[in-house]
């Protein structure tokens, strides 16, 4: 029985030994990854300061391949996108960081601030305003964010005013087009009427019997007058004879 009891205790001891070894290995791997990621982040920061933002992006991505939860890798990658004008990528990168619990409130506020700037660059002013407001909820005394919020609000107001003006101009253009179409239709109808009148003038007009007789009588009289004039002209001719 002692042997059995001793064997049982040995089994329990082996089980806990395996658990402890697993935890040690896990911690070692975690620390190892953290140590491997940091040189890559530092390299990215160095390149970032040198304004080699594309190269910095590569280093930050490598750090995230080692540790996808790297706080500095995640945040600074968004900054590298922003500096390259990749604002849509920056938006995707910063969006989840504002609510990520591994960041403190100031870092979350900064993520929202950068998100607001990214939206601002793409002229999505409503989204930009929302991001700046979220930033101020976490850090109410940030003067830079307050300024950017006011600027985004002013730009949104200007954008809305421009849209109203464009809509009014479009309506005016539509009215002008309608008037132009109406005038074209009127001109077309007038031209059609003129063509019909010309065509009617070309067609022989119907006359009464009495009018026809009057016209014939006038033609006969004209013919007699013409003949008389012709006779007079003939009478006045001079015949010149040759000298033989």
C-alpha atoms as a PDB file:
ATOM      1  CA  UNK A   1       0.000   0.000   0.000  1.00  0.00           C
ATOM      2  CA  UNK A   2       2.859   2.365   0.714  1.00  0.00           C
ATOM      3  CA  UNK A   3       4.234   1.572  -2.643  1.00  0.00           C
ATOM      4  CA  UNK A   4       0.904   2.388  -4.187  1.00  0.00           C
ATOM      5  CA  UNK A   5       0.633   5.592  -2.205  1.00  0.00           C
ATOM      6  CA  UNK A   6       4.175   6.562  -3.059  1.00  0.00           C
ATOM      7  CA  UNK A   7       3.509   5.881  -6.725  1.00  0.00           C
ATOM      8  CA  UNK A   8       0.419   8.103  -6.587  1.00  0.00           C
ATOM      9  CA  UNK A   9       2.388  10.955  -5.059  1.00  0.00           C
ATOM     10  CA  UNK A  10       5.062  10.551  -7.696  1.00  0.00           C
ATOM     11  CA  UNK A  11       2.397  10.802 -10.412  1.00  0.00           C
ATOM     12  CA  UNK A  12       0.992  14.044  -8.899  1.00  0.00           C
ATOM     13  CA  UNK A  13       4.474  15.468  -8.690  1.00  0.00           C
ATOM     14  CA  UNK A  14       5.141  14.683 -12.376  1.00  0.00           C
ATOM     15  CA  UNK A  15       1.915  16.368 -13.416  1.00  0.00           C
ATOM     16  CA  UNK A  16       2.736  19.619 -11.632  1.00  0.00           C
ATOM     17  CA  UNK A  17       6.282  19.456 -12.883  1.00  0.00           C
ATOM     18  CA  UNK A  18       4.994  19.373 -16.468  1.00  0.00           C
ATOM     19  CA  UNK A  19       2.689  22.329 -15.794  1.00  0.00           C
ATOM     20  CA  UNK A  20       5.529  24.360 -14.320  1.00  0.00           C
ATOM     21  CA  UNK A  21       7.819  23.514 -17.217  1.00  0.00           C
ATOM     22  CA  UNK A  22       5.120  24.560 -19.680  1.00  0.00           C
ATOM     23  CA  UNK A  23       4.627  27.893 -17.906  1.00  0.00           C
ATOM     24  CA  UNK A  24       8.361  28.523 -17.827  1.00  0.00           C
ATOM     25  CA  UNK A  25       8.599  27.743 -21.530  1.00  0.00           C
ATOM     26  CA  UNK A  26       5.657  30.008 -22.293  1.00  0.00           C
ATOM     27  CA  UNK A  27       7.180  32.891 -20.314  1.00  0.00           C
ATOM     28  CA  UNK A  28      10.544  32.298 -21.964  1.00  0.00           C
ATOM     29  CA  UNK A  29       8.982  32.398 -25.429  1.00  0.00           C
ATOM     30  CA  UNK A  30       7.029  35.527 -24.556  1.00  0.00           C
ATOM     31  CA  UNK A  31      10.121  37.295 -23.223  1.00  0.00           C
ATOM     32  CA  UNK A  32      12.150  36.077 -26.183  1.00  0.00           C
ATOM     33  CA  UNK A  33       9.607  37.429 -28.650  1.00  0.00           C
ATOM     34  CA  UNK A  34       9.479  40.731 -26.822  1.00  0.00           C
ATOM     35  CA  UNK A  35      13.250  40.982 -26.935  1.00  0.00           C
ATOM     36  CA  UNK A  36      13.331  40.095 -30.632  1.00  0.00           C
ATOM     37  CA  UNK A  37      10.609  42.598 -31.502  1.00  0.00           C
ATOM     38  CA  UNK A  38      12.199  45.582 -29.755  1.00  0.00           C
ATOM     39  CA  UNK A  39      15.304  45.853 -31.971  1.00  0.00           C
ATOM     40  CA  UNK A  40      12.980  45.891 -34.998  1.00  0.00           C
ATOM     41  CA  UNK A  41      10.861  48.647 -33.442  1.00  0.00           C
ATOM     42  CA  UNK A  42      13.991  50.623 -32.564  1.00  0.00           C
ATOM     43  CA  UNK A  43      15.249  50.216 -36.123  1.00  0.00           C
ATOM     44  CA  UNK A  44      11.866  51.423 -37.398  1.00  0.00           C
ATOM     45  CA  UNK A  45      12.035  54.449 -35.093  1.00  0.00           C
ATOM     46  CA  UNK A  46      15.532  55.292 -36.357  1.00  0.00           C
ATOM     47  CA  UNK A  47      14.380  55.119 -39.977  1.00  0.00           C
ATOM     48  CA  UNK A  48      11.275  57.137 -39.088  1.00  0.00           C
ATOM     49  CA  UNK A  49      13.416  59.956 -37.641  1.00  0.00           C
ATOM     50  CA  UNK A  50      15.485  59.894 -40.829  1.00  0.00           C
ATOM     51  CA  UNK A  51      12.199  60.351 -42.745  1.00  0.00           C
ATOM     52  CA  UNK A  52      12.643  56.979 -44.425  1.00  0.00           C
ATOM     53  CA  UNK A  53       9.014  56.183 -43.779  1.00  0.00           C
ATOM     54  CA  UNK A  54       8.727  53.333 -46.268  1.00  0.00           C
ATOM     55  CA  UNK A  55      11.677  51.530 -44.696  1.00  0.00           C
ATOM     56  CA  UNK A  56      10.293  52.250 -41.226  1.00  0.00           C
ATOM     57  CA  UNK A  57       7.012  50.633 -42.293  1.00  0.00           C
ATOM     58  CA  UNK A  58       8.897  47.465 -43.216  1.00  0.00           C
ATOM     59  CA  UNK A  59      10.644  47.325 -39.826  1.00  0.00           C
ATOM     60  CA  UNK A  60       7.414  47.853 -37.901  1.00  0.00           C
ATOM     61  CA  UNK A  61       5.719  45.095 -39.892  1.00  0.00           C
ATOM     62  CA  UNK A  62       8.611  42.770 -39.097  1.00  0.00           C
ATOM     63  CA  UNK A  63       8.205  43.542 -35.390  1.00  0.00           C
ATOM     64  CA  UNK A  64       4.525  42.654 -35.642  1.00  0.00           C
ATOM     65  CA  UNK A  65       5.400  39.373 -37.335  1.00  0.00           C
ATOM     66  CA  UNK A  66       7.393  38.536 -34.221  1.00  0.00           C
ATOM     67  CA  UNK A  67       4.748  39.860 -31.848  1.00  0.00           C
ATOM     68  CA  UNK A  68       1.462  40.944 -33.357  1.00  0.00           C
ATOM     69  CA  UNK A  69       0.466  42.553 -30.027  1.00  0.00           C
ATOM     70  CA  UNK A  70       3.458  44.899 -29.992  1.00  0.00           C
ATOM     71  CA  UNK A  71       2.116  48.242 -28.728  1.00  0.00           C
ATOM     72  CA  UNK A  72       4.876  50.310 -30.310  1.00  0.00           C
ATOM     73  CA  UNK A  73       4.846  48.316 -33.536  1.00  0.00           C
ATOM     74  CA  UNK A  74       1.102  48.771 -33.964  1.00  0.00           C
ATOM     75  CA  UNK A  75       1.065  52.471 -33.131  1.00  0.00           C
ATOM     76  CA  UNK A  76       4.160  53.465 -35.063  1.00  0.00           C
ATOM     77  CA  UNK A  77       3.106  51.524 -38.145  1.00  0.00           C
ATOM     78  CA  UNK A  78       0.049  53.792 -38.305  1.00  0.00           C
ATOM     79  CA  UNK A  79       2.331  56.820 -38.122  1.00  0.00           C
ATOM     80  CA  UNK A  80       4.515  55.443 -40.939  1.00  0.00           C
ATOM     81  CA  UNK A  81       1.418  54.979 -43.107  1.00  0.00           C
ATOM     82  CA  UNK A  82       0.301  58.532 -42.341  1.00  0.00           C
ATOM     83  CA  UNK A  83       3.662  60.072 -43.252  1.00  0.00           C
ATOM     84  CA  UNK A  84       3.584  58.298 -46.628  1.00  0.00           C
ATOM     85  CA  UNK A  85       0.127  59.624 -47.401  1.00  0.00           C
ATOM     86  CA  UNK A  86      -1.405  56.160 -47.034  1.00  0.00           C
ATOM     87  CA  UNK A  87      -4.315  57.598 -45.116  1.00  0.00           C
ATOM     88  CA  UNK A  88      -6.727  54.718 -45.680  1.00  0.00           C
ATOM     89  CA  UNK A  89      -4.130  52.290 -44.303  1.00  0.00           C
ATOM     90  CA  UNK A  90      -3.509  54.641 -41.375  1.00  0.00           C
ATOM     91  CA  UNK A  91      -7.244  54.707 -40.636  1.00  0.00           C
ATOM     92  CA  UNK A  92      -7.380  50.903 -40.575  1.00  0.00           C
ATOM     93  CA  UNK A  93      -4.332  50.782 -38.307  1.00  0.00           C
ATOM     94  CA  UNK A  94      -5.459  53.413 -35.776  1.00  0.00           C
ATOM     95  CA  UNK A  95      -9.169  52.489 -35.590  1.00  0.00           C
ATOM     96  CA  UNK A  96      -8.871  49.512 -33.182  1.00  0.00           C
ATOM     97  CA  UNK A  97      -6.145  51.098 -31.021  1.00  0.00           C
ATOM     98  CA  UNK A  98      -8.470  53.650 -29.434  1.00  0.00           C
ATOM     99  CA  UNK A  99     -10.310  50.890 -27.580  1.00  0.00           C
ATOM    100  CA  UNK A 100      -7.392  48.475 -27.103  1.00  0.00           C
ATOM    101  CA  UNK A 101      -7.026  47.826 -23.361  1.00  0.00           C
ATOM    102  CA  UNK A 102      -3.286  47.237 -23.529  1.00  0.00           C
ATOM    103  CA  UNK A 103      -2.899  50.990 -24.154  1.00  0.00           C
ATOM    104  CA  UNK A 104      -3.416  53.485 -21.360  1.00  0.00           C
ATOM    105  CA  UNK A 105      -5.879  56.389 -21.707  1.00  0.00           C
ATOM    106  CA  UNK A 106      -3.309  58.835 -23.029  1.00  0.00           C
ATOM    107  CA  UNK A 107      -2.170  56.353 -25.685  1.00  0.00           C
ATOM    108  CA  UNK A 108      -5.776  55.607 -26.627  1.00  0.00           C
ATOM    109  CA  UNK A 109      -6.402  59.348 -26.859  1.00  0.00           C
ATOM    110  CA  UNK A 110      -3.370  59.723 -29.130  1.00  0.00           C
ATOM    111  CA  UNK A 111      -4.641  56.905 -31.341  1.00  0.00           C
ATOM    112  CA  UNK A 112      -7.981  58.689 -31.730  1.00  0.00           C
ATOM    113  CA  UNK A 113      -6.136  61.952 -32.414  1.00  0.00           C
ATOM    114  CA  UNK A 114      -4.123  60.347 -35.222  1.00  0.00           C
ATOM    115  CA  UNK A 115      -7.261  58.663 -36.525  1.00  0.00           C
ATOM    116  CA  UNK A 116      -8.937  62.084 -36.661  1.00  0.00           C
ATOM    117  CA  UNK A 117      -5.986  63.507 -38.595  1.00  0.00           C
ATOM    118  CA  UNK A 118      -6.152  60.620 -41.070  1.00  0.00           C
ATOM    119  CA  UNK A 119      -9.842  61.232 -41.689  1.00  0.00           C
ATOM    120  CA  UNK A 120      -9.122  64.946 -41.977  1.00  0.00           C
ATOM    121  CA  UNK A 121      -6.643  64.320 -44.779  1.00  0.00           C
ATOM    122  CA  UNK A 122      -9.255  62.346 -46.734  1.00  0.00           C
ATOM    123  CA  UNK A 123     -11.847  65.150 -46.232  1.00  0.00           C
ATOM    124  CA  UNK A 124     -14.104  62.849 -44.210  1.00  0.00           C
ATOM    125  CA  UNK A 125     -14.833  65.644 -41.779  1.00  0.00           C
ATOM    126  CA  UNK A 126     -17.722  64.041 -39.884  1.00  0.00           C
ATOM    127  CA  UNK A 127     -15.621  60.955 -39.088  1.00  0.00           C
ATOM    128  CA  UNK A 128     -12.697  63.213 -38.200  1.00  0.00           C
ATOM    129  CA  UNK A 129     -14.830  65.202 -35.748  1.00  0.00           C
ATOM    130  CA  UNK A 130     -16.059  62.000 -34.090  1.00  0.00           C
ATOM    131  CA  UNK A 131     -12.475  60.749 -33.641  1.00  0.00           C
ATOM    132  CA  UNK A 132     -11.295  64.040 -32.120  1.00  0.00           C
ATOM    133  CA  UNK A 133     -14.234  64.032 -29.702  1.00  0.00           C
ATOM    134  CA  UNK A 134     -13.356  60.498 -28.600  1.00  0.00           C
ATOM    135  CA  UNK A 135      -9.786  61.644 -28.080  1.00  0.00           C
ATOM    136  CA  UNK A 136     -10.912  64.539 -25.878  1.00  0.00           C
ATOM    137  CA  UNK A 137     -13.111  62.241 -23.791  1.00  0.00           C
ATOM    138  CA  UNK A 138      -9.963  60.353 -22.794  1.00  0.00           C
ATOM    139  CA  UNK A 139      -7.731  63.435 -22.534  1.00  0.00           C
ATOM    140  CA  UNK A 140      -9.898  66.584 -22.184  1.00  0.00           C
ATOM    141  CA  UNK A 141      -6.974  69.007 -21.808  1.00  0.00           C
ATOM    142  CA  UNK A 142      -5.208  68.206 -25.099  1.00  0.00           C
ATOM    143  CA  UNK A 143      -5.018  71.611 -26.834  1.00  0.00           C
ATOM    144  CA  UNK A 144      -3.810  70.140 -30.150  1.00  0.00           C
ATOM    145  CA  UNK A 145      -6.856  67.917 -30.378  1.00  0.00           C
ATOM    146  CA  UNK A 146      -9.146  70.826 -29.481  1.00  0.00           C
ATOM    147  CA  UNK A 147      -7.624  72.914 -32.258  1.00  0.00           C
ATOM    148  CA  UNK A 148      -7.929  70.105 -34.795  1.00  0.00           C
ATOM    149  CA  UNK A 149     -11.539  69.518 -33.760  1.00  0.00           C
ATOM    150  CA  UNK A 150     -12.384  73.192 -34.351  1.00  0.00           C
ATOM    151  CA  UNK A 151     -10.624  73.083 -37.713  1.00  0.00           C
ATOM    152  CA  UNK A 152     -12.500  69.933 -38.776  1.00  0.00           C
ATOM    153  CA  UNK A 153     -15.815  71.514 -37.766  1.00  0.00           C
ATOM    154  CA  UNK A 154     -15.009  74.631 -39.799  1.00  0.00           C
ATOM    155  CA  UNK A 155     -14.067  72.519 -42.828  1.00  0.00           C
ATOM    156  CA  UNK A 156     -17.286  70.515 -42.513  1.00  0.00           C
ATOM    157  CA  UNK A 157     -19.328  73.732 -42.456  1.00  0.00           C
ATOM    158  CA  UNK A 158     -17.470  75.020 -45.513  1.00  0.00           C
ATOM    159  CA  UNK A 159     -18.022  71.701 -47.304  1.00  0.00           C
ATOM    160  CA  UNK A 160     -21.757  71.785 -46.554  1.00  0.00           C
ATOM    161  CA  UNK A 161     -22.043  75.377 -47.785  1.00  0.00           C
ATOM    162  CA  UNK A 162     -20.243  74.455 -50.984  1.00  0.00           C
ATOM    163  CA  UNK A 163     -22.584  71.511 -51.497  1.00  0.00           C
ATOM    164  CA  UNK A 164     -25.607  73.804 -51.078  1.00  0.00           C
ATOM    165  CA  UNK A 165     -24.139  76.246 -53.595  1.00  0.00           C
ATOM    166  CA  UNK A 166     -23.418  73.444 -56.033  1.00  0.00           C
ATOM    167  CA  UNK A 167     -26.995  72.186 -55.665  1.00  0.00           C
ATOM    168  CA  UNK A 168     -28.376  75.675 -56.351  1.00  0.00           C
ATOM    169  CA  UNK A 169     -26.118  76.096 -59.364  1.00  0.00           C
ATOM    170  CA  UNK A 170     -27.217  72.716 -60.636  1.00  0.00           C
ATOM    171  CA  UNK A 171     -30.872  73.688 -60.297  1.00  0.00           C
ATOM    172  CA  UNK A 172     -30.177  76.938 -62.172  1.00  0.00           C
ATOM    173  CA  UNK A 173     -28.423  75.012 -64.907  1.00  0.00           C
ATOM    174  CA  UNK A 174     -31.359  72.613 -65.084  1.00  0.00           C
ATOM    175  CA  UNK A 175     -33.772  75.573 -65.432  1.00  0.00           C
ATOM    176  CA  UNK A 176     -31.588  77.100 -68.122  1.00  0.00           C
ATOM    177  CA  UNK A 177     -31.560  73.793 -69.942  1.00  0.00           C
ATOM    178  CA  UNK A 178     -35.361  73.605 -69.660  1.00  0.00           C
ATOM    179  CA  UNK A 179     -35.735  77.141 -71.028  1.00  0.00           C
ATOM    180  CA  UNK A 180     -33.282  76.350 -73.787  1.00  0.00           C
ATOM    181  CA  UNK A 181     -35.224  73.220 -74.683  1.00  0.00           C
ATOM    182  CA  UNK A 182     -38.465  75.209 -74.690  1.00  0.00           C
ATOM    183  CA  UNK A 183     -36.922  77.894 -76.917  1.00  0.00           C
ATOM    184  CA  UNK A 184     -35.577  75.237 -79.263  1.00  0.00           C
ATOM    185  CA  UNK A 185     -39.015  73.678 -79.435  1.00  0.00           C
ATOM    186  CA  UNK A 186     -40.584  77.089 -80.160  1.00  0.00           C
ATOM    187  CA  UNK A 187     -38.012  77.823 -82.856  1.00  0.00           C
ATOM    188  CA  UNK A 188     -38.663  74.436 -84.352  1.00  0.00           C
ATOM    189  CA  UNK A 189     -42.416  75.062 -84.435  1.00  0.00           C
ATOM    190  CA  UNK A 190     -41.926  78.534 -85.938  1.00  0.00           C
ATOM    191  CA  UNK A 191     -39.653  77.146 -88.616  1.00  0.00           C
ATOM    192  CA  UNK A 192     -42.184  74.438 -89.374  1.00  0.00           C
ATOM    193  CA  UNK A 193     -44.900  77.058 -89.806  1.00  0.00           C
ATOM    194  CA  UNK A 194     -42.694  79.095 -92.149  1.00  0.00           C
ATOM    195  CA  UNK A 195     -41.935  76.021 -94.206  1.00  0.00           C
ATOM    196  CA  UNK A 196     -45.633  75.236 -94.432  1.00  0.00           C
ATOM    197  CA  UNK A 197     -46.379  78.797 -95.574  1.00  0.00           C
ATOM    198  CA  UNK A 198     -43.660  78.634 -98.238  1.00  0.00           C
ATOM    199  CA  UNK A 199     -44.991  75.315 -99.433  1.00  0.00           C
ATOM    200  CA  UNK A 200     -48.503  76.731 -99.599  1.00  0.00           C
ATOM    201  CA  UNK A 201     -47.266  79.671-101.678  1.00  0.00           C
ATOM    202  CA  UNK A 202     -45.653  77.300-104.174  1.00  0.00           C
ATOM    203  CA  UNK A 203     -48.896  75.399-104.697  1.00  0.00           C
ATOM    204  CA  UNK A 204     -51.347  76.823-107.300  1.00  0.00           C
ATOM    205  CA  UNK A 205     -54.144  78.764-105.680  1.00  0.00           C
ATOM    206  CA  UNK A 206     -57.717  77.993-106.631  1.00  0.00           C
ATOM    207  CA  UNK A 207     -59.581  80.920-108.300  1.00  0.00           C
ATOM    208  CA  UNK A 208     -63.195  81.479-109.217  1.00  0.00           C
ATOM    209  CA  UNK A 209     -64.531  81.343-112.815  1.00  0.00           C
ATOM    210  CA  UNK A 210     -65.051  85.082-112.946  1.00  0.00           C
ATOM    211  CA  UNK A 211     -61.495  85.766-111.797  1.00  0.00           C
ATOM    212  CA  UNK A 212     -60.176  83.348-114.379  1.00  0.00           C
ATOM    213  CA  UNK A 213     -62.076  85.169-117.170  1.00  0.00           C
ATOM    214  CA  UNK A 214     -60.722  88.513-115.977  1.00  0.00           C
ATOM    215  CA  UNK A 215     -57.186  87.162-116.038  1.00  0.00           C
ATOM    216  CA  UNK A 216     -57.652  85.769-119.572  1.00  0.00           C
ATOM    217  CA  UNK A 217     -59.103  89.068-120.778  1.00  0.00           C
ATOM    218  CA  UNK A 218     -56.150  90.925-119.314  1.00  0.00           C
ATOM    219  CA  UNK A 219     -53.742  88.546-121.012  1.00  0.00           C
ATOM    220  CA  UNK A 220     -55.508  89.067-124.370  1.00  0.00           C
ATOM    221  CA  UNK A 221     -55.311  92.824-123.995  1.00  0.00           C
ATOM    222  CA  UNK A 222     -51.633  92.578-123.136  1.00  0.00           C
ATOM    223  CA  UNK A 223     -51.043  90.415-126.192  1.00  0.00           C
ATOM    224  CA  UNK A 224     -52.739  93.022-128.484  1.00  0.00           C
ATOM    225  CA  UNK A 225     -50.684  95.800-126.980  1.00  0.00           C
ATOM    226  CA  UNK A 226     -47.527  93.784-127.479  1.00  0.00           C
ATOM    227  CA  UNK A 227     -48.366  93.183-131.150  1.00  0.00           C
ATOM    228  CA  UNK A 228     -49.064  96.900-131.739  1.00  0.00           C
ATOM    229  CA  UNK A 229     -45.723  97.797-130.195  1.00  0.00           C
ATOM    230  CA  UNK A 230     -44.002  95.223-132.375  1.00  0.00           C
ATOM    231  CA  UNK A 231     -45.568  96.702-135.529  1.00  0.00           C
ATOM    232  CA  UNK A 232     -44.407 100.179-134.628  1.00  0.00           C
ATOM    233  CA  UNK A 233     -40.924  98.900-134.080  1.00  0.00           C
ATOM    234  CA  UNK A 234     -40.930  97.216-137.506  1.00  0.00           C
ATOM    235  CA  UNK A 235     -42.123 100.412-139.207  1.00  0.00           C
ATOM    236  CA  UNK A 236     -39.241 102.338-137.897  1.00  0.00           C
ATOM    237  CA  UNK A 237     -36.672 100.039-139.394  1.00  0.00           C
ATOM    238  CA  UNK A 238     -34.336 101.654-142.012  1.00  0.00           C
ATOM    239  CA  UNK A 239     -33.338  99.620-145.040  1.00  0.00           C
ATOM    240  CA  UNK A 240     -29.826 100.489-146.271  1.00  0.00           C
ATOM    241  CA  UNK A 241     -29.077  99.539-149.876  1.00  0.00           C
ATOM    242  CA  UNK A 242     -25.583  98.785-151.096  1.00  0.00           C
ATOM    243  CA  UNK A 243     -23.849 100.973-153.678  1.00  0.00           C
ATOM    244  CA  UNK A 244     -23.239  99.021-156.759  1.00  0.00           C
END
